[in-house]
Amino acid sequence: MISTLEEKPHIPAAPRKRKVPGWAVAMLGVAGAIALLSITSYQTNFPQLTSSGTTQTAVRLALPILLAGLGGLWAERAGVVNIGLEGMMIMGTWGAAWAGYQWGPWAALVAAVVFGSLGGLLHAIATVTFGVNHIVSGVAINLLGAGLTKYLSTLIFLPLSNNPRQSPPVQSFDTFSAAGLGDWLGELEADQRLFISDVAGILRGLVTGVSPLTMIAILLLPLSYWLLWRTRFGLRLRSVGENPHAADSLGVKVYFHKYVAVIVSGGLAGLGGAALVLNPGQLSYLEGQTGGRGYIGLAAMIFGNWRPGGLLGGAALFGYADGLQLRSGGETVLALVYGVVLLLGVIVVWQLIRRKWFSAAAAIAVAVLMYLLYISLDEIPSEFVSYAPHMVTLAVLAVASQRLRMPAADGLVYRRG
C-alpha cells in the first residue's frame, strides 16, 4: 500500500549558542578594568590609581560593604527587604568594640555577629510574624540601632574613655603577608611599566597585610553560594523568596526559612560593623562610623543582581572609590574621571556596533561633559571628594537598573492560607 501523504523533509535544528560561563565573563571584566586603570594611570601620570597601598586600603574599606551586601542577599533571597542593614551594622560596631576591648579581636567578631543577629531577629519578628511593611521596619531598626548604641556608649564607654561617642582602643588582628612574593611584586611595581607594574601593584596589595577577617569574608562568599544554590535548604529558602504560597503547598516551612535568612542577614551585617572597628586605621568604636555603608552594601547587592559574584564586584568598586579618595585626594579622583571618559568611549563603540544610536548618542554627550570637567579643573574640590563612593553608587545603579531581576516575592507580606 502506497501512502498518499508526502513525507516532510527533515530540517536540522539550528545549533544552540553556547553560553559563556559566568567565571569567564568575570575574568574578562577584571582584565578590562585593570587595563582601563593602567591606561588611565599612564596617561594622567598618577600611579596611585593602581598602587599596592591604594589596593590594600580599598580591600579594607570594601570588607564592611561586602559583608553588609551579603547580609542583604540572604534576606532578599527569602523575600524580605532589609533596609535595616545600616542599623544592624551600627549594633555590630558597638558589640565588637565592647567585647574587643575586654577579650580581644576574636571575641569582637562573635559579639558583632550576636548584636547584628539581634537586629535581624527584631526585623524578622516585625515583618514575618506581624506583617509590618519591610521598609518601615528597616527604617525603625536603623533608628533603634543608632539610639541604642548611643545610650550604651554613654553608659559604658564614658567612664572608660571620657568620651560618650568613642570606645577605648581595641586590640587588632595580626596580619599576614606573602613576603617573598610581595618583594618581587614590589620590584615590578617600582619599574613603572605599562600594565605589568599595574598588575603587580594590585596583586601586591592583595597579598600584603591580610587579616583573618579578610579571609573569613572572602570564604563566606563561596560558602553562601554553595548553601543557597547547591543545597536543599538553599533551594527551599530561594523558593520562599520567589513564591511562598507555592512553597508552602509543597511543605516548605516558609516562616522558618524567612527567620533564618533575616537572622543570618543581621549577623553578616554585624560582622561588617566589626570590620570597621578592627580596621587598622580605627581600632575603636566611633559614633557614626558606618557612614551609610549599610545602604552602599545594599546597592552593591542590587548591582550584583542578587548574586554573590556580582556582589563582590560591586563591593570592590565602591571600596576602591572610597580608598582612592581617602589615600590620594582630589587630584587622583580627577584622574579617575579621565578613566570614565575612556570607558564611555568603549561603550560608544559597542553601542554603534549594535546599532543602538540613541544609547551611543547619550554616551557621547556624557563623555564630552566628563572630559570638559576633567580639563577645566586641577582637582576635585574636597567637599565632593568624600562623597565619591556615594556618587559611584548612584551612577552604577542608574546604569545597571535595566538588567536587574529581583526575587519575585521580595518585599511582599506573606500570610499562610
Protein backbone atom coordinates (compact mmCIF):
# COMPACT_ATOMS: atom_id res chain seq x y z
CA MET A 1 0.00 0.00 0.00
CA ILE A 2 1.43 3.35 -1.12
CA SER A 3 0.85 6.25 1.20
CA THR A 4 -0.62 9.37 -0.34
CA LEU A 5 0.97 11.57 2.28
CA GLU A 6 4.23 13.15 1.30
CA GLU A 7 6.96 12.95 3.84
CA LYS A 8 8.12 16.35 5.05
CA PRO A 9 11.81 16.95 4.55
CA HIS A 10 13.85 16.83 7.75
CA ILE A 11 15.09 20.29 8.65
CA PRO A 12 18.01 20.18 11.08
CA ALA A 13 17.59 22.34 14.16
CA ALA A 14 19.73 25.41 14.39
CA PRO A 15 22.69 24.86 16.68
CA ARG A 16 22.27 26.42 20.10
CA LYS A 17 24.69 29.13 21.04
CA ARG A 18 26.95 28.10 23.85
CA LYS A 19 26.59 30.40 26.82
CA VAL A 20 29.79 31.94 28.11
CA PRO A 21 30.44 30.72 31.69
CA GLY A 22 29.98 33.30 34.42
CA TRP A 23 33.54 32.90 35.67
CA ALA A 24 34.88 33.68 32.17
CA VAL A 25 32.78 36.85 31.97
CA ALA A 26 34.07 37.86 35.42
CA MET A 27 37.70 37.29 34.42
CA LEU A 28 37.24 39.32 31.25
CA GLY A 29 35.67 42.10 33.30
CA VAL A 30 38.57 42.12 35.77
CA ALA A 31 41.12 42.17 32.94
CA GLY A 32 39.27 45.02 31.25
CA ALA A 33 39.09 47.04 34.46
CA ILE A 34 42.83 46.61 35.11
CA ALA A 35 43.65 47.58 31.52
CA LEU A 36 41.46 50.69 31.82
CA LEU A 37 43.11 51.74 35.10
CA SER A 38 46.56 51.03 33.65
CA ILE A 39 45.99 53.24 30.60
CA THR A 40 44.46 55.96 32.78
CA SER A 41 47.40 55.84 35.19
CA TYR A 42 49.89 56.08 32.29
CA GLN A 43 48.05 58.92 30.52
CA THR A 44 47.48 61.03 33.64
CA ASN A 45 50.79 60.19 35.37
CA PHE A 46 49.05 59.09 38.57
CA PRO A 47 50.45 55.66 39.58
CA GLN A 48 48.36 55.84 42.77
CA LEU A 49 45.41 54.52 40.75
CA THR A 50 46.92 51.02 40.78
CA SER A 51 49.42 51.20 43.63
CA SER A 52 49.64 48.48 46.27
CA GLY A 53 48.79 51.00 49.01
CA THR A 54 45.56 52.03 47.29
CA THR A 55 44.61 48.39 46.72
CA GLN A 56 45.30 47.47 50.35
CA THR A 57 43.17 50.38 51.58
CA ALA A 58 40.41 49.51 49.12
CA VAL A 59 40.28 45.91 50.37
CA ARG A 60 39.87 47.03 53.99
CA LEU A 61 37.14 49.51 53.06
CA ALA A 62 35.34 47.02 50.79
CA LEU A 63 35.02 44.42 53.57
CA PRO A 64 32.13 46.07 55.50
CA ILE A 65 30.32 46.79 52.22
CA LEU A 66 30.79 43.19 51.08
CA LEU A 67 29.53 41.73 54.37
CA ALA A 68 26.55 44.08 54.54
CA GLY A 69 25.66 43.27 50.94
CA LEU A 70 25.95 39.55 51.64
CA GLY A 71 23.55 40.01 54.54
CA GLY A 72 21.10 41.76 52.25
CA LEU A 73 21.46 38.92 49.75
CA TRP A 74 20.40 36.32 52.33
CA ALA A 75 17.36 38.31 53.43
CA GLU A 76 16.12 39.27 49.99
CA ARG A 77 16.54 35.79 48.55
CA ALA A 78 13.98 34.78 51.20
CA GLY A 79 11.68 37.64 50.17
CA VAL A 80 12.47 40.12 52.98
CA VAL A 81 13.79 43.57 52.07
CA ASN A 82 16.40 44.53 54.66
CA ILE A 83 16.76 48.31 54.69
CA GLY A 84 17.84 47.88 58.33
CA LEU A 85 21.36 46.74 57.38
CA GLU A 86 22.74 50.10 58.48
CA GLY A 87 21.26 49.78 61.96
CA MET A 88 22.47 46.18 62.29
CA MET A 89 25.96 47.32 61.27
CA ILE A 90 25.84 50.03 63.94
CA MET A 91 24.88 47.46 66.56
CA GLY A 92 27.72 45.26 65.32
CA THR A 93 30.26 48.07 65.70
CA TRP A 94 29.26 48.66 69.30
CA GLY A 95 29.27 44.95 70.16
CA ALA A 96 32.69 44.50 68.55
CA ALA A 97 34.17 47.42 70.48
CA TRP A 98 32.67 46.33 73.79
CA ALA A 99 33.84 42.71 73.55
CA GLY A 100 37.10 43.51 71.73
CA TYR A 101 38.23 45.91 74.46
CA GLN A 102 37.78 43.23 77.11
CA TRP A 103 38.62 39.92 75.41
CA GLY A 104 40.36 40.60 72.10
CA PRO A 105 39.54 40.61 68.37
CA TRP A 106 38.01 37.12 68.13
CA ALA A 107 35.54 37.99 70.88
CA ALA A 108 34.81 41.18 68.94
CA LEU A 109 33.75 39.14 65.92
CA VAL A 110 31.47 36.91 67.99
CA ALA A 111 29.84 39.85 69.77
CA ALA A 112 29.35 41.73 66.48
CA VAL A 113 27.56 38.73 64.97
CA VAL A 114 25.36 38.36 68.07
CA PHE A 115 24.39 42.05 68.20
CA GLY A 116 23.71 42.15 64.46
CA SER A 117 21.65 38.96 64.70
CA LEU A 118 19.51 40.54 67.41
CA GLY A 119 18.73 43.36 65.00
CA GLY A 120 17.88 40.76 62.35
CA LEU A 121 15.63 38.93 64.80
CA LEU A 122 13.69 42.14 65.53
CA HIS A 123 13.29 42.77 61.81
CA ALA A 124 12.06 39.19 61.30
CA ILE A 125 9.53 39.44 64.14
CA ALA A 126 8.15 42.68 62.72
CA THR A 127 7.99 41.67 59.05
CA VAL A 128 7.41 37.91 59.13
CA THR A 129 5.26 37.45 62.23
CA PHE A 130 3.37 40.75 62.40
CA GLY A 131 3.40 41.67 58.71
CA VAL A 132 4.88 45.15 59.15
CA ASN A 133 5.93 46.85 55.92
CA HIS A 134 9.57 45.88 55.28
CA ILE A 135 10.73 49.44 54.58
CA VAL A 136 9.05 50.81 57.70
CA SER A 137 10.56 48.08 59.86
CA GLY A 138 14.02 48.62 58.34
CA VAL A 139 13.94 52.35 58.99
CA ALA A 140 12.86 51.65 62.58
CA ILE A 141 15.79 49.23 63.02
CA ASN A 142 18.18 51.93 61.77
CA LEU A 143 16.82 54.46 64.26
CA LEU A 144 16.83 51.89 67.05
CA GLY A 145 20.43 50.86 66.33
CA ALA A 146 21.67 54.44 66.41
CA GLY A 147 19.75 55.32 69.57
CA LEU A 148 20.56 52.13 71.46
CA THR A 149 24.30 52.31 70.79
CA LYS A 150 24.38 55.97 71.79
CA TYR A 151 22.73 55.11 75.11
CA LEU A 152 25.03 52.15 75.73
CA SER A 153 28.10 54.20 74.84
CA THR A 154 27.17 56.87 77.34
CA LEU A 155 26.52 54.20 79.97
CA ILE A 156 29.64 52.04 79.44
CA PHE A 157 32.29 53.86 77.39
CA LEU A 158 32.04 57.28 79.07
CA PRO A 159 33.67 56.10 82.34
CA LEU A 160 36.43 54.31 80.37
CA SER A 161 37.39 56.85 77.73
CA ASN A 162 35.80 60.09 78.99
CA ASN A 163 34.07 60.29 75.62
CA PRO A 164 30.50 59.03 75.15
CA ARG A 165 30.97 58.87 71.38
CA GLN A 166 34.08 56.68 71.31
CA SER A 167 35.24 53.43 72.89
CA PRO A 168 38.67 52.67 74.35
CA PRO A 169 41.21 51.22 71.86
CA VAL A 170 40.58 47.66 70.68
CA GLN A 171 43.30 45.09 70.05
CA SER A 172 43.78 44.34 66.35
CA PHE A 173 44.34 41.08 64.48
CA ASP A 174 47.82 40.01 63.46
CA THR A 175 48.17 40.35 59.68
CA PHE A 176 49.87 38.03 57.21
CA SER A 177 51.89 38.80 54.09
CA ALA A 178 53.48 36.72 51.35
CA ALA A 179 56.98 38.08 51.99
CA GLY A 180 58.89 36.64 49.01
CA LEU A 181 56.09 37.18 46.51
CA GLY A 182 55.40 40.65 47.88
CA ASP A 183 59.04 41.74 47.46
CA TRP A 184 59.14 40.51 43.86
CA LEU A 185 55.85 42.24 43.06
CA GLY A 186 57.19 45.40 44.73
CA GLU A 187 60.16 45.42 42.37
CA LEU A 188 57.88 45.05 39.36
CA GLU A 189 55.64 47.83 40.66
CA ALA A 190 58.61 50.19 41.09
CA ASP A 191 59.65 49.69 37.44
CA GLN A 192 56.51 51.59 36.32
CA ARG A 193 55.99 49.53 33.16
CA LEU A 194 52.61 49.78 31.47
CA PHE A 195 50.15 47.10 32.62
CA ILE A 196 52.86 44.88 34.19
CA SER A 197 53.57 47.29 37.07
CA ASP A 198 49.85 47.97 37.49
CA VAL A 199 49.05 44.28 37.81
CA ALA A 200 51.99 43.84 40.20
CA GLY A 201 50.78 46.73 42.38
CA ILE A 202 47.25 45.36 42.61
CA LEU A 203 48.45 41.82 43.39
CA ARG A 204 50.90 43.11 45.99
CA GLY A 205 48.10 44.98 47.73
CA LEU A 206 46.04 41.78 47.81
CA VAL A 207 48.77 39.64 49.43
CA THR A 208 50.13 42.21 51.91
CA GLY A 209 48.70 42.85 55.37
CA VAL A 210 45.89 40.30 55.07
CA SER A 211 43.88 39.87 58.29
CA PRO A 212 41.89 36.80 59.38
CA LEU A 213 38.70 38.83 58.97
CA THR A 214 39.54 39.41 55.29
CA MET A 215 39.97 35.68 54.75
CA ILE A 216 36.71 34.95 56.60
CA ALA A 217 34.81 37.46 54.45
CA ILE A 218 36.20 36.01 51.21
CA LEU A 219 35.35 32.46 52.31
CA LEU A 220 31.80 33.49 53.18
CA LEU A 221 31.11 34.26 49.51
CA PRO A 222 31.55 30.72 48.09
CA LEU A 223 30.02 29.29 51.26
CA SER A 224 26.88 31.39 50.76
CA TYR A 225 26.74 30.43 47.09
CA TRP A 226 27.03 26.74 47.96
CA LEU A 227 24.39 26.95 50.67
CA LEU A 228 21.88 28.97 48.64
CA TRP A 229 22.34 27.38 45.20
CA ARG A 230 23.68 23.88 45.80
CA THR A 231 21.79 22.53 48.83
CA ARG A 232 18.21 21.51 49.54
CA PHE A 233 18.00 24.13 52.27
CA GLY A 234 19.06 26.86 49.84
CA LEU A 235 16.56 25.75 47.21
CA ARG A 236 13.75 25.95 49.76
CA LEU A 237 14.92 29.34 51.00
CA ARG A 238 15.03 30.78 47.49
CA SER A 239 11.62 29.27 46.68
CA VAL A 240 10.25 31.21 49.64
CA GLY A 241 11.52 34.40 48.04
CA GLU A 242 10.04 33.55 44.65
CA ASN A 243 6.60 32.11 45.53
CA PRO A 244 5.94 31.49 49.23
CA HIS A 245 2.41 30.16 48.65
CA ALA A 246 3.63 27.50 46.22
CA ALA A 247 6.48 26.63 48.58
CA ASP A 248 4.03 26.30 51.48
CA SER A 249 1.81 23.98 49.43
CA LEU A 250 4.84 21.70 48.92
CA GLY A 251 5.54 21.51 52.65
CA VAL A 252 8.30 24.13 52.91
CA LYS A 253 8.32 25.91 56.28
CA VAL A 254 8.06 29.45 54.96
CA TYR A 255 8.25 31.29 58.29
CA PHE A 256 11.21 29.21 59.45
CA HIS A 257 13.26 29.90 56.34
CA LYS A 258 12.46 33.62 56.43
CA TYR A 259 13.52 33.83 60.09
CA VAL A 260 16.80 32.01 59.41
CA ALA A 261 17.59 34.21 56.41
CA VAL A 262 16.93 37.51 58.19
CA ILE A 263 18.84 36.49 61.35
CA VAL A 264 21.82 35.41 59.22
CA SER A 265 21.48 38.70 57.36
CA GLY A 266 21.76 40.63 60.62
CA GLY A 267 24.76 38.57 61.74
CA LEU A 268 26.61 39.28 58.49
CA ALA A 269 25.82 42.99 58.75
CA GLY A 270 27.12 42.97 62.33
CA LEU A 271 30.29 41.29 61.09
CA GLY A 272 30.62 44.17 58.63
CA GLY A 273 30.45 46.52 61.60
CA ALA A 274 33.29 44.58 63.23
CA ALA A 275 35.34 45.12 60.07
CA LEU A 276 35.04 48.87 60.65
CA VAL A 277 36.06 48.67 64.30
CA LEU A 278 39.01 46.34 63.65
CA ASN A 279 40.27 48.41 60.72
CA PRO A 280 43.97 49.18 61.47
CA GLY A 281 43.28 52.87 60.95
CA GLN A 282 40.44 52.94 63.50
CA LEU A 283 40.60 50.17 66.18
CA SER A 284 37.73 51.62 68.20
CA TYR A 285 34.02 52.32 68.07
CA LEU A 286 33.13 55.83 66.93
CA GLU A 287 29.61 57.19 66.73
CA GLY A 288 28.51 57.43 63.10
CA GLN A 289 31.47 55.46 61.75
CA THR A 290 29.31 53.30 59.45
CA GLY A 291 28.78 56.36 57.25
CA GLY A 292 25.94 54.82 55.25
CA ARG A 293 27.88 51.69 54.31
CA GLY A 294 24.86 49.55 55.06
CA TYR A 295 22.99 51.35 52.28
CA ILE A 296 26.01 51.08 49.97
CA GLY A 297 26.15 47.35 50.72
CA LEU A 298 22.50 47.10 49.69
CA ALA A 299 23.36 48.97 46.49
CA ALA A 300 26.27 46.59 45.83
CA MET A 301 23.90 43.64 46.20
CA ILE A 302 21.46 45.18 43.70
CA PHE A 303 24.33 45.96 41.32
CA GLY A 304 25.35 42.30 41.57
CA ASN A 305 21.81 41.22 40.59
CA TRP A 306 21.26 39.36 43.86
CA ARG A 307 24.23 37.04 43.17
CA PRO A 308 27.41 36.60 45.28
CA GLY A 309 29.80 37.08 42.35
CA GLY A 310 28.21 40.32 41.22
CA LEU A 311 28.08 41.49 44.83
CA LEU A 312 31.87 41.03 45.08
CA GLY A 313 32.36 43.21 42.01
CA GLY A 314 30.08 45.93 43.40
CA ALA A 315 31.79 45.93 46.80
CA ALA A 316 35.21 46.11 45.13
CA LEU A 317 34.10 49.07 43.03
CA PHE A 318 32.69 51.04 45.95
CA GLY A 319 35.62 50.13 48.22
CA TYR A 320 38.08 51.24 45.54
CA ALA A 321 36.35 54.61 45.14
CA ASP A 322 36.37 55.10 48.92
CA GLY A 323 40.01 54.04 49.29
CA LEU A 324 41.17 56.24 46.43
CA GLN A 325 39.63 59.39 47.86
CA LEU A 326 40.96 58.68 51.35
CA ARG A 327 44.50 57.87 50.28
CA SER A 328 45.14 60.16 47.32
CA GLY A 329 42.74 63.10 47.44
CA GLY A 330 41.11 65.23 44.76
CA GLU A 331 43.81 65.12 42.06
CA THR A 332 43.73 61.34 41.79
CA VAL A 333 39.93 61.25 41.85
CA LEU A 334 40.01 63.73 38.94
CA ALA A 335 42.34 61.35 37.09
CA LEU A 336 39.70 58.68 37.57
CA VAL A 337 37.27 60.96 35.69
CA TYR A 338 39.60 60.61 32.68
CA GLY A 339 39.25 56.85 33.03
CA VAL A 340 35.47 57.22 32.97
CA VAL A 341 35.80 59.14 29.68
CA LEU A 342 37.80 56.25 28.20
CA LEU A 343 35.19 53.76 29.43
CA LEU A 344 32.42 55.82 27.84
CA GLY A 345 34.37 55.76 24.57
CA VAL A 346 34.36 51.95 24.65
CA ILE A 347 30.62 52.00 25.39
CA VAL A 348 30.03 54.30 22.38
CA VAL A 349 31.86 51.93 20.03
CA TRP A 350 29.94 48.94 21.40
CA GLN A 351 26.58 50.67 21.02
CA LEU A 352 27.42 51.73 17.45
CA ILE A 353 28.30 48.12 16.56
CA ARG A 354 24.92 47.04 17.96
CA ARG A 355 23.24 49.95 16.11
CA LYS A 356 21.86 51.43 19.31
CA TRP A 357 22.00 55.01 18.05
CA PHE A 358 20.22 56.69 20.96
CA SER A 359 22.39 54.96 23.59
CA ALA A 360 25.54 55.83 21.65
CA ALA A 361 24.49 59.50 21.40
CA ALA A 362 23.75 59.63 25.13
CA ALA A 363 27.15 58.10 25.95
CA ILE A 364 28.88 60.63 23.67
CA ALA A 365 27.12 63.53 25.41
CA VAL A 366 28.10 62.27 28.87
CA ALA A 367 31.69 61.63 27.72
CA VAL A 368 32.00 65.20 26.41
CA LEU A 369 30.69 66.63 29.68
CA MET A 370 33.09 64.47 31.73
CA TYR A 371 36.05 65.46 29.54
CA LEU A 372 35.19 69.16 29.89
CA LEU A 373 35.09 68.64 33.65
CA TYR A 374 38.48 66.94 33.52
CA ILE A 375 40.25 69.69 31.54
CA SER A 376 38.63 72.57 33.45
CA LEU A 377 39.68 71.51 36.97
CA ASP A 378 43.05 70.96 38.62
CA GLU A 379 41.48 68.70 41.26
CA ILE A 380 38.08 67.71 42.57
CA PRO A 381 37.05 70.02 45.45
CA SER A 382 37.50 68.40 48.83
CA GLU A 383 33.82 68.94 49.65
CA PHE A 384 32.91 66.49 46.86
CA VAL A 385 35.80 64.05 47.21
CA SER A 386 34.43 62.46 50.39
CA TYR A 387 31.17 61.70 48.55
CA ALA A 388 32.90 59.83 45.71
CA PRO A 389 31.63 56.37 46.86
CA HIS A 390 28.06 57.63 47.09
CA MET A 391 28.24 59.21 43.60
CA VAL A 392 29.64 55.97 42.21
CA THR A 393 26.75 54.14 43.89
CA LEU A 394 24.15 56.33 42.18
CA ALA A 395 25.87 56.16 38.78
CA VAL A 396 26.28 52.39 38.83
CA LEU A 397 22.69 51.75 39.89
CA ALA A 398 21.43 54.08 37.15
CA VAL A 399 23.41 52.16 34.51
CA ALA A 400 22.66 48.67 35.84
CA SER A 401 18.95 49.13 36.57
CA GLN A 402 17.83 47.85 33.15
CA ARG A 403 19.18 44.31 33.56
CA LEU A 404 18.21 43.54 37.15
CA ARG A 405 15.90 40.73 38.22
CA MET A 406 14.95 40.69 41.88
CA PRO A 407 13.23 37.71 43.62
CA ALA A 408 9.58 37.71 42.58
CA ALA A 409 8.14 37.90 46.12
CA ASP A 410 10.78 40.27 47.52
CA GLY A 411 9.15 42.76 49.89
CA LEU A 412 5.70 41.15 49.83
CA VAL A 413 3.98 40.40 53.12
CA TYR A 414 3.18 36.67 53.35
CA ARG A 415 0.25 35.23 55.26
CA ARG A 416 -0.33 31.49 55.38
CA GLY A 417 -3.53 30.49 53.59
